[in-house]
Structure formats: structure tokens, C-alpha cells
N, C-alpha and C. Protein backbone atom coordinates (compact mmCIF):
# COMPACT_ATOMS: atom_id res chain seq x y z
N MET A 1 12.70 10.31 -17.67
CA MET A 1 12.11 8.92 -18.40
C MET A 1 10.66 8.91 -17.78
N ASP A 2 9.73 8.87 -18.90
CA ASP A 2 8.05 8.76 -18.51
C ASP A 2 8.09 7.56 -18.76
N ARG A 3 7.11 6.69 -17.52
CA ARG A 3 6.99 5.16 -17.58
C ARG A 3 5.60 5.03 -17.11
N ALA A 4 5.25 4.15 -17.82
CA ALA A 4 3.63 3.70 -17.25
C ALA A 4 3.59 3.11 -15.55
N ALA A 5 2.71 2.90 -14.82
CA ALA A 5 2.79 2.66 -13.74
C ALA A 5 2.74 0.91 -13.92
N GLU A 6 3.62 0.46 -13.19
CA GLU A 6 3.58 -1.45 -13.19
C GLU A 6 3.43 -1.52 -12.07
N PRO A 7 2.81 -3.02 -11.57
CA PRO A 7 2.37 -3.75 -10.18
C PRO A 7 3.63 -3.94 -9.68
N SER A 8 3.77 -4.10 -8.56
CA SER A 8 5.00 -4.51 -7.70
C SER A 8 4.50 -6.07 -7.68
N ALA A 9 5.88 -6.70 -7.91
CA ALA A 9 5.73 -8.14 -7.68
C ALA A 9 6.22 -8.75 -6.39
N GLY A 10 5.77 -10.11 -6.15
CA GLY A 10 5.85 -10.18 -4.88
C GLY A 10 5.09 -10.03 -3.48
N VAL A 11 4.19 -9.33 -3.84
CA VAL A 11 3.46 -8.48 -2.60
C VAL A 11 2.76 -9.58 -1.56
N ARG A 12 3.36 -9.36 -0.35
CA ARG A 12 3.14 -10.14 0.52
C ARG A 12 1.98 -9.17 1.72
N ARG A 13 1.05 -9.82 2.08
CA ARG A 13 0.29 -8.89 3.47
C ARG A 13 -0.59 -9.98 4.01
N ARG A 14 -1.14 -9.19 5.35
CA ARG A 14 -1.72 -10.30 6.17
C ARG A 14 -3.18 -10.46 5.59
N ALA A 15 -3.80 -11.84 5.47
CA ALA A 15 -4.92 -12.42 5.07
C ALA A 15 -5.94 -11.41 5.10
N VAL A 16 -6.11 -10.87 6.22
CA VAL A 16 -7.03 -9.82 6.59
C VAL A 16 -6.84 -8.49 7.27
N TYR A 17 -7.28 -7.26 6.54
CA TYR A 17 -7.04 -6.15 7.11
C TYR A 17 -7.50 -5.77 8.63
N PRO A 18 -6.57 -5.28 9.27
CA PRO A 18 -7.28 -5.04 10.99
C PRO A 18 -7.69 -3.69 10.75
N ALA A 19 -9.18 -3.57 10.17
CA ALA A 19 -9.94 -2.73 10.08
C ALA A 19 -9.49 -1.94 11.87
N GLY A 20 -10.12 -0.72 11.58
CA GLY A 20 -10.27 0.39 13.10
C GLY A 20 -9.42 1.31 13.00
N ALA A 21 -9.37 2.38 13.61
CA ALA A 21 -8.51 3.41 14.42
C ALA A 21 -7.32 3.18 15.01
N PHE A 22 -6.43 3.58 14.53
CA PHE A 22 -4.83 3.24 14.81
C PHE A 22 -4.36 2.36 14.70
N ARG A 23 -4.67 1.38 13.38
CA ARG A 23 -4.13 -0.02 13.16
C ARG A 23 -3.28 0.07 12.21
N THR A 24 -2.07 -0.97 12.50
CA THR A 24 -1.21 -0.65 11.50
C THR A 24 -1.16 -2.13 10.16
N PHE A 25 -1.23 -1.77 9.21
CA PHE A 25 -1.41 -3.13 8.39
C PHE A 25 0.19 -2.90 7.27
N THR A 26 0.93 -4.16 7.09
CA THR A 26 2.10 -3.84 6.34
C THR A 26 1.81 -5.08 5.39
N MET A 27 2.76 -4.36 4.11
CA MET A 27 2.65 -5.28 3.26
C MET A 27 4.23 -4.93 2.73
N THR A 28 4.60 -5.98 2.34
CA THR A 28 6.02 -6.09 1.52
C THR A 28 5.81 -6.60 0.02
N PHE A 29 7.15 -6.30 -0.49
CA PHE A 29 7.22 -7.04 -1.90
C PHE A 29 8.53 -7.11 -2.55
N ASP A 30 8.64 -7.51 -3.52
CA ASP A 30 10.13 -7.69 -3.86
C ASP A 30 10.76 -6.24 -4.22
N GLU A 31 12.04 -6.52 -3.91
CA GLU A 31 12.73 -4.94 -4.44
C GLU A 31 12.60 -4.58 -5.73
N THR A 32 12.42 -3.31 -5.75
CA THR A 32 12.11 -2.43 -6.98
C THR A 32 12.52 -1.08 -6.87
N TRP A 33 12.64 -0.32 -7.91
CA TRP A 33 13.02 1.12 -7.94
C TRP A 33 11.56 1.87 -8.58
N GLY A 34 11.98 3.12 -8.50
CA GLY A 34 10.81 4.23 -9.02
C GLY A 34 11.12 5.39 -8.40
N ASP A 35 10.45 6.20 -9.04
CA ASP A 35 10.11 7.64 -8.77
C ASP A 35 8.78 7.84 -7.71
N ASP A 36 7.79 7.03 -7.74
CA ASP A 36 6.65 7.38 -6.76
C ASP A 36 5.92 6.23 -6.38
N VAL A 37 4.94 5.99 -5.48
CA VAL A 37 4.21 5.07 -5.12
C VAL A 37 2.93 5.30 -5.30
N ARG A 38 2.13 4.32 -6.06
CA ARG A 38 0.52 4.56 -6.21
C ARG A 38 0.24 3.39 -5.52
N VAL A 39 -0.72 3.55 -4.54
CA VAL A 39 -1.81 2.91 -3.66
C VAL A 39 -3.05 2.48 -4.26
N ILE A 40 -3.31 1.60 -4.54
CA ILE A 40 -4.85 1.34 -4.80
C ILE A 40 -5.64 0.11 -4.56
N GLY A 41 -6.80 0.32 -3.86
CA GLY A 41 -7.61 -0.35 -3.41
C GLY A 41 -8.92 0.11 -3.30
N ARG A 42 -9.71 -1.22 -2.66
CA ARG A 42 -11.38 -0.66 -2.52
C ARG A 42 -11.26 -0.06 -1.25
N PRO A 43 -11.99 1.25 -1.78
CA PRO A 43 -12.39 2.07 -0.31
C PRO A 43 -13.32 1.15 0.71
N GLY A 44 -13.32 1.62 2.06
CA GLY A 44 -14.54 0.83 2.94
C GLY A 44 -15.08 1.79 3.96
N GLY A 45 -15.62 0.80 5.05
CA GLY A 45 -16.08 2.17 5.90
C GLY A 45 -17.58 2.56 5.49
N SER A 46 -18.35 3.38 6.45
CA SER A 46 -19.47 3.84 6.30
C SER A 46 -19.56 5.02 5.14
N ALA A 47 -18.21 5.46 4.89
CA ALA A 47 -18.19 6.45 4.18
C ALA A 47 -17.71 6.36 3.05
N ARG A 48 -17.51 4.99 2.65
CA ARG A 48 -16.73 4.33 1.33
C ARG A 48 -15.44 5.05 0.92
N PHE A 49 -14.64 5.57 1.56
CA PHE A 49 -13.31 6.10 1.08
C PHE A 49 -11.86 5.52 2.15
N THR A 50 -10.99 5.57 1.46
CA THR A 50 -9.52 5.16 1.79
C THR A 50 -8.77 6.63 2.15
N SER A 51 -7.90 6.46 3.45
CA SER A 51 -7.20 7.43 3.96
C SER A 51 -6.08 6.78 4.42
N ILE A 52 -5.09 7.46 4.33
CA ILE A 52 -3.34 6.98 5.02
C ILE A 52 -3.10 7.91 5.52
N ALA A 53 -2.81 7.85 6.89
CA ALA A 53 -2.53 8.87 8.10
C ALA A 53 -0.78 8.88 7.84
N GLU A 54 -0.24 7.80 7.52
CA GLU A 54 1.40 7.56 7.65
C GLU A 54 2.12 6.61 6.59
N LEU A 55 2.92 7.00 5.38
CA LEU A 55 3.53 5.66 5.11
C LEU A 55 4.72 5.83 4.85
N GLU A 56 5.43 4.72 5.59
CA GLU A 56 6.72 4.49 5.41
C GLU A 56 7.30 3.36 4.55
N VAL A 57 8.50 4.03 4.27
CA VAL A 57 9.30 3.19 3.12
C VAL A 57 10.48 2.70 3.52
N TYR A 58 11.15 1.44 3.69
CA TYR A 58 12.18 1.19 3.86
C TYR A 58 13.23 0.70 2.96
N TYR A 59 14.39 0.80 3.15
CA TYR A 59 15.32 0.18 2.04
C TYR A 59 16.74 -0.90 2.93
N GLY A 60 16.55 -1.96 2.21
CA GLY A 60 17.49 -2.90 3.14
C GLY A 60 17.97 -3.14 4.04
């Protein structure tokens, strides 16, 4: 089934992103389902890009 991307409901995160190397940033959101995850945000740093070294998803 082809579906358009939809924003997740109930996103909760820390007020300030802990910038720097080897930092953990946790977001939680209401239970949902889907086939993929799209992470969108404003890039930062001197090179103006975003990278994700590890993405973990938990259920339950």
C-alpha cells in the first residue's frame, strides 16, 4: 500500500539538543505503525549537515 508520509503524534524530546560528539538524543512518540522512518530536521554545525551514527527503535 502506498501512503504519503505522516508526522508522528505526541513527539516528546529534550528542550535542548545536546550538541557534540558521542551524545545521545532521545525522542519518544505515540504508538504508530509503518514501513519506514523519515527523520527531518534543520542541519547544524560548521558544515551545515546532519548525520545519524545509530538509530534504535523499541517496541513495548
